[in-house]
Amino acid sequence: MVAKLDDTAGFMMTSEWGDVEYPTSFGMENKSPEEEAVELADSKTGASLKLTILKPEARIWTMVAGGGASVVYADTIADMAGIDDLANYGEYSGGPLLVRQNSMQRHFLTL
């Protein structure tokens, strides 16, 4: 028998699945401490918290409420200002608890 686990439900299935370690996504091997902290917070909630640093020296940083909106904003920034000006991809959606939002914001502001 073969089973395939998806980390989307990992936060709900901890007692059944145990402490599962998922493989790192392509291109995400060297995460910053801030990215790792947001990823950890994301794993503990059914909501979505995302932070990916693309180019830390760039001038435009985003933290958008709403997963779909964040993609539109990122695309628009890339089209209007140029991809070299986009520093990150950041979003929160799905109604995360205020404590999770605040944690993400604190990590974001350290950048």
N, C-alpha and C. Protein backbone atom coordinates (compact mmCIF):
# COMPACT_ATOMS: atom_id res chain seq x y z
N MET A 1 0.84 -1.16 0.00
CA MET A 1 0.00 0.00 0.00
C MET A 1 0.89 1.24 0.00
N VAL A 2 0.47 2.23 -0.75
CA VAL A 2 1.19 3.50 -0.82
C VAL A 2 0.26 4.61 -0.36
N ALA A 3 0.79 5.50 0.43
CA ALA A 3 0.00 6.66 0.88
C ALA A 3 0.77 7.92 0.54
N LYS A 4 0.02 8.93 0.17
CA LYS A 4 0.62 10.22 -0.14
C LYS A 4 0.01 11.25 0.79
N LEU A 5 0.85 11.95 1.55
CA LEU A 5 0.38 12.95 2.49
C LEU A 5 0.54 14.34 1.89
N ASP A 6 -0.45 15.16 2.13
CA ASP A 6 -0.43 16.55 1.69
C ASP A 6 -0.34 17.42 2.93
N ASP A 7 0.61 18.34 2.96
CA ASP A 7 0.80 19.16 4.16
C ASP A 7 -0.34 20.14 4.41
N THR A 8 -1.27 20.26 3.48
CA THR A 8 -2.40 21.18 3.68
C THR A 8 -3.21 20.81 4.92
N ALA A 9 -3.41 19.53 5.17
CA ALA A 9 -4.19 19.08 6.32
C ALA A 9 -3.31 18.69 7.50
N GLY A 10 -2.02 18.89 7.38
CA GLY A 10 -1.09 18.48 8.44
C GLY A 10 -1.41 19.05 9.81
N PHE A 11 -1.88 20.29 9.86
CA PHE A 11 -2.18 20.92 11.15
C PHE A 11 -3.31 20.20 11.87
N MET A 12 -4.23 19.56 11.13
CA MET A 12 -5.37 18.86 11.74
C MET A 12 -5.03 17.41 12.07
N MET A 13 -4.04 16.86 11.42
CA MET A 13 -3.79 15.43 11.50
C MET A 13 -2.57 15.05 12.34
N THR A 14 -2.08 15.97 13.15
CA THR A 14 -0.88 15.72 13.94
C THR A 14 -1.00 14.48 14.80
N SER A 15 -2.14 14.29 15.44
CA SER A 15 -2.29 13.13 16.33
C SER A 15 -2.32 11.82 15.54
N GLU A 16 -2.88 11.83 14.33
CA GLU A 16 -2.95 10.61 13.52
C GLU A 16 -1.66 10.35 12.75
N TRP A 17 -1.08 11.40 12.17
CA TRP A 17 0.08 11.24 11.31
C TRP A 17 1.40 11.34 12.07
N GLY A 18 1.38 11.95 13.23
CA GLY A 18 2.62 12.17 13.96
C GLY A 18 3.36 13.37 13.41
N ASP A 19 4.64 13.44 13.69
CA ASP A 19 5.47 14.56 13.26
C ASP A 19 6.07 14.24 11.90
N VAL A 20 5.35 14.57 10.85
CA VAL A 20 5.77 14.27 9.48
C VAL A 20 6.69 15.37 8.97
N GLU A 21 7.78 14.97 8.35
CA GLU A 21 8.68 15.95 7.74
C GLU A 21 8.49 15.88 6.23
N TYR A 22 8.00 16.98 5.65
CA TYR A 22 7.73 17.04 4.22
C TYR A 22 8.98 17.49 3.47
N PRO A 23 9.14 17.04 2.23
CA PRO A 23 10.30 17.48 1.47
C PRO A 23 10.23 18.97 1.16
N THR A 24 11.37 19.58 1.02
CA THR A 24 11.45 21.00 0.71
C THR A 24 11.06 21.23 -0.74
N SER A 25 10.26 22.26 -0.98
CA SER A 25 9.86 22.61 -2.34
C SER A 25 11.07 23.07 -3.13
N PHE A 26 11.03 22.85 -4.43
CA PHE A 26 12.12 23.27 -5.31
C PHE A 26 12.34 24.77 -5.20
N GLY A 27 13.58 25.19 -5.05
CA GLY A 27 13.92 26.60 -4.97
C GLY A 27 13.79 27.20 -3.58
N MET A 28 13.39 26.40 -2.60
CA MET A 28 13.15 26.91 -1.25
C MET A 28 14.13 26.31 -0.24
N GLU A 29 15.28 25.88 -0.71
CA GLU A 29 16.23 25.19 0.15
C GLU A 29 16.84 26.08 1.23
N ASN A 30 17.10 27.32 0.92
CA ASN A 30 17.78 28.23 1.85
C ASN A 30 16.82 29.31 2.34
N LYS A 31 16.03 28.98 3.33
CA LYS A 31 15.04 29.92 3.85
C LYS A 31 15.65 30.79 4.94
N SER A 32 15.17 32.02 4.99
CA SER A 32 15.58 32.93 6.06
C SER A 32 14.89 32.51 7.36
N PRO A 33 15.39 32.96 8.50
CA PRO A 33 14.71 32.67 9.77
C PRO A 33 13.27 33.20 9.78
N GLU A 34 13.04 34.33 9.12
CA GLU A 34 11.69 34.89 9.06
C GLU A 34 10.76 34.00 8.24
N GLU A 35 11.25 33.49 7.11
CA GLU A 35 10.44 32.59 6.29
C GLU A 35 10.12 31.31 7.07
N GLU A 36 11.11 30.78 7.78
CA GLU A 36 10.89 29.57 8.57
C GLU A 36 9.88 29.80 9.68
N ALA A 37 9.94 30.95 10.34
CA ALA A 37 9.01 31.26 11.42
C ALA A 37 7.58 31.37 10.90
N VAL A 38 7.40 32.02 9.76
CA VAL A 38 6.06 32.15 9.17
C VAL A 38 5.57 30.78 8.71
N GLU A 39 6.46 29.97 8.16
CA GLU A 39 6.07 28.61 7.74
C GLU A 39 5.62 27.78 8.95
N LEU A 40 6.32 27.91 10.06
CA LEU A 40 5.93 27.19 11.28
C LEU A 40 4.56 27.65 11.75
N ALA A 41 4.32 28.94 11.76
CA ALA A 41 3.01 29.47 12.16
C ALA A 41 1.93 28.97 11.21
N ASP A 42 2.25 28.91 9.91
CA ASP A 42 1.30 28.42 8.90
C ASP A 42 0.92 26.97 9.16
N SER A 43 1.89 26.17 9.61
CA SER A 43 1.64 24.75 9.84
C SER A 43 0.72 24.49 11.03
N LYS A 44 0.50 25.50 11.85
CA LYS A 44 -0.31 25.33 13.06
C LYS A 44 -1.72 25.88 12.91
N THR A 45 -2.11 26.22 11.70
CA THR A 45 -3.42 26.81 11.50
C THR A 45 -4.03 26.32 10.19
N GLY A 46 -5.33 26.38 10.11
CA GLY A 46 -6.03 26.05 8.86
C GLY A 46 -6.03 27.22 7.90
N ALA A 47 -5.63 28.38 8.39
CA ALA A 47 -5.53 29.57 7.54
C ALA A 47 -4.22 29.49 6.75
N SER A 48 -3.98 30.50 5.95
CA SER A 48 -2.77 30.53 5.14
C SER A 48 -1.91 31.72 5.53
N LEU A 49 -0.65 31.45 5.84
CA LEU A 49 0.34 32.49 6.12
C LEU A 49 1.55 32.18 5.24
N LYS A 50 1.91 33.08 4.36
CA LYS A 50 3.01 32.82 3.43
C LYS A 50 3.98 34.00 3.39
N LEU A 51 5.25 33.66 3.37
CA LEU A 51 6.30 34.66 3.18
C LEU A 51 7.43 34.02 2.39
N THR A 52 7.70 34.57 1.23
CA THR A 52 8.82 34.13 0.41
C THR A 52 9.63 35.37 0.03
N ILE A 53 10.88 35.38 0.41
CA ILE A 53 11.76 36.50 0.07
C ILE A 53 12.34 36.22 -1.31
N LEU A 54 12.08 37.12 -2.23
CA LEU A 54 12.55 36.97 -3.60
C LEU A 54 13.85 37.72 -3.83
N LYS A 55 13.88 38.96 -3.38
CA LYS A 55 15.05 39.82 -3.62
C LYS A 55 15.11 40.85 -2.49
N PRO A 56 15.85 40.56 -1.43
CA PRO A 56 15.84 41.41 -0.24
C PRO A 56 16.26 42.87 -0.48
N GLU A 57 17.02 43.11 -1.52
CA GLU A 57 17.46 44.49 -1.79
C GLU A 57 16.44 45.29 -2.60
N ALA A 58 15.36 44.65 -3.03
CA ALA A 58 14.33 45.34 -3.81
C ALA A 58 13.57 46.33 -2.93
N ARG A 59 12.84 47.23 -3.55
CA ARG A 59 12.21 48.33 -2.81
C ARG A 59 10.75 48.12 -2.46
N ILE A 60 10.04 47.17 -3.08
CA ILE A 60 8.61 47.00 -2.82
C ILE A 60 8.37 45.69 -2.07
N TRP A 61 7.80 45.83 -0.86
CA TRP A 61 7.48 44.68 -0.01
C TRP A 61 5.97 44.62 0.16
N THR A 62 5.39 43.41 0.11
CA THR A 62 3.94 43.28 0.25
C THR A 62 3.59 42.28 1.33
N MET A 63 2.48 42.54 2.00
CA MET A 63 1.86 41.57 2.91
C MET A 63 0.36 41.79 2.74
N VAL A 64 -0.23 41.02 1.85
CA VAL A 64 -1.60 41.24 1.40
C VAL A 64 -2.55 40.26 2.07
N ALA A 65 -3.71 40.76 2.48
CA ALA A 65 -4.76 39.89 3.01
C ALA A 65 -5.53 39.32 1.83
N GLY A 66 -5.51 38.02 1.69
CA GLY A 66 -6.24 37.37 0.61
C GLY A 66 -5.28 36.72 -0.37
N GLY A 67 -5.36 35.39 -0.47
CA GLY A 67 -4.44 34.65 -1.33
C GLY A 67 -4.53 35.04 -2.79
N GLY A 68 -5.75 35.15 -3.33
CA GLY A 68 -5.91 35.54 -4.73
C GLY A 68 -5.44 36.95 -4.99
N ALA A 69 -5.75 37.84 -4.08
CA ALA A 69 -5.35 39.25 -4.23
C ALA A 69 -3.84 39.38 -4.22
N SER A 70 -3.16 38.57 -3.41
CA SER A 70 -1.71 38.69 -3.31
C SER A 70 -1.03 38.37 -4.64
N VAL A 71 -1.58 37.42 -5.37
CA VAL A 71 -1.03 37.06 -6.68
C VAL A 71 -1.25 38.20 -7.67
N VAL A 72 -2.45 38.79 -7.62
CA VAL A 72 -2.76 39.92 -8.51
C VAL A 72 -1.82 41.09 -8.21
N TYR A 73 -1.63 41.39 -6.92
CA TYR A 73 -0.72 42.48 -6.55
C TYR A 73 0.71 42.19 -7.03
N ALA A 74 1.19 40.98 -6.81
CA ALA A 74 2.55 40.63 -7.22
C ALA A 74 2.70 40.77 -8.73
N ASP A 75 1.72 40.26 -9.49
CA ASP A 75 1.77 40.38 -10.95
C ASP A 75 1.75 41.84 -11.39
N THR A 76 0.90 42.64 -10.75
CA THR A 76 0.79 44.05 -11.12
C THR A 76 2.08 44.81 -10.81
N ILE A 77 2.67 44.54 -9.66
CA ILE A 77 3.95 45.18 -9.31
C ILE A 77 5.01 44.81 -10.34
N ALA A 78 5.07 43.52 -10.68
CA ALA A 78 6.05 43.07 -11.66
C ALA A 78 5.82 43.75 -13.01
N ASP A 79 4.55 43.90 -13.42
CA ASP A 79 4.24 44.55 -14.69
C ASP A 79 4.53 46.05 -14.67
N MET A 80 4.14 46.72 -13.59
CA MET A 80 4.23 48.18 -13.54
C MET A 80 5.63 48.68 -13.13
N ALA A 81 6.22 48.06 -12.13
CA ALA A 81 7.50 48.55 -11.61
C ALA A 81 8.67 47.73 -12.11
N GLY A 82 8.40 46.52 -12.52
CA GLY A 82 9.46 45.62 -12.95
C GLY A 82 9.73 44.58 -11.88
N ILE A 83 10.02 43.39 -12.30
CA ILE A 83 10.21 42.27 -11.38
C ILE A 83 11.38 42.53 -10.43
N ASP A 84 12.34 43.33 -10.83
CA ASP A 84 13.49 43.61 -9.96
C ASP A 84 13.13 44.43 -8.73
N ASP A 85 11.96 45.07 -8.74
CA ASP A 85 11.53 45.88 -7.60
C ASP A 85 10.72 45.09 -6.57
N LEU A 86 10.32 43.86 -6.90
CA LEU A 86 9.49 43.06 -6.00
C LEU A 86 10.38 42.27 -5.04
N ALA A 87 10.31 42.60 -3.76
CA ALA A 87 11.19 41.99 -2.76
C ALA A 87 10.68 40.65 -2.24
N ASN A 88 9.35 40.47 -2.21
CA ASN A 88 8.82 39.27 -1.56
C ASN A 88 7.44 38.91 -2.10
N TYR A 89 7.01 37.73 -1.69
CA TYR A 89 5.61 37.34 -1.82
C TYR A 89 5.14 37.08 -0.40
N GLY A 90 4.15 37.84 0.05
CA GLY A 90 3.64 37.66 1.40
C GLY A 90 2.13 37.77 1.40
N GLU A 91 1.46 36.84 2.09
CA GLU A 91 0.01 36.91 2.18
C GLU A 91 -0.49 36.16 3.40
N TYR A 92 -1.66 36.58 3.85
CA TYR A 92 -2.38 35.82 4.87
C TYR A 92 -3.84 35.81 4.47
N SER A 93 -4.47 34.65 4.62
CA SER A 93 -5.87 34.51 4.23
C SER A 93 -6.50 33.38 5.03
N GLY A 94 -7.79 33.23 4.90
CA GLY A 94 -8.50 32.16 5.59
C GLY A 94 -8.80 32.47 7.04
N GLY A 95 -8.73 33.73 7.41
CA GLY A 95 -9.08 34.13 8.77
C GLY A 95 -8.15 33.63 9.85
N PRO A 96 -6.83 33.84 9.71
CA PRO A 96 -5.93 33.40 10.78
C PRO A 96 -6.20 34.17 12.07
N LEU A 97 -5.93 33.54 13.18
CA LEU A 97 -6.09 34.20 14.47
C LEU A 97 -5.22 35.45 14.51
N LEU A 98 -5.67 36.43 15.26
CA LEU A 98 -4.94 37.69 15.37
C LEU A 98 -3.52 37.47 15.88
N VAL A 99 -3.35 36.52 16.80
CA VAL A 99 -2.01 36.24 17.33
C VAL A 99 -1.08 35.73 16.22
N ARG A 100 -1.61 34.96 15.27
CA ARG A 100 -0.81 34.47 14.14
C ARG A 100 -0.47 35.62 13.19
N GLN A 101 -1.46 36.49 12.94
CA GLN A 101 -1.21 37.65 12.08
C GLN A 101 -0.13 38.55 12.69
N ASN A 102 -0.24 38.79 13.99
CA ASN A 102 0.74 39.64 14.67
C ASN A 102 2.13 39.03 14.62
N SER A 103 2.22 37.72 14.79
CA SER A 103 3.51 37.03 14.72
C SER A 103 4.12 37.20 13.34
N MET A 104 3.30 37.01 12.31
CA MET A 104 3.79 37.17 10.94
C MET A 104 4.25 38.60 10.71
N GLN A 105 3.48 39.56 11.18
CA GLN A 105 3.84 40.97 11.00
C GLN A 105 5.16 41.31 11.70
N ARG A 106 5.37 40.76 12.89
CA ARG A 106 6.63 41.02 13.61
C ARG A 106 7.83 40.48 12.81
N HIS A 107 7.69 39.26 12.30
CA HIS A 107 8.79 38.69 11.51
C HIS A 107 9.00 39.49 10.23
N PHE A 108 7.92 39.89 9.62
CA PHE A 108 7.99 40.67 8.39
C PHE A 108 8.73 41.99 8.61
N LEU A 109 8.43 42.65 9.72
CA LEU A 109 9.03 43.96 10.00
C LEU A 109 10.52 43.87 10.35
N THR A 110 11.00 42.70 10.74
CA THR A 110 12.43 42.56 11.01
C THR A 110 13.25 42.57 9.72
N LEU A 111 12.59 42.35 8.62
CA LEU A 111 13.30 42.34 7.33
C LEU A 111 13.60 43.76 6.92
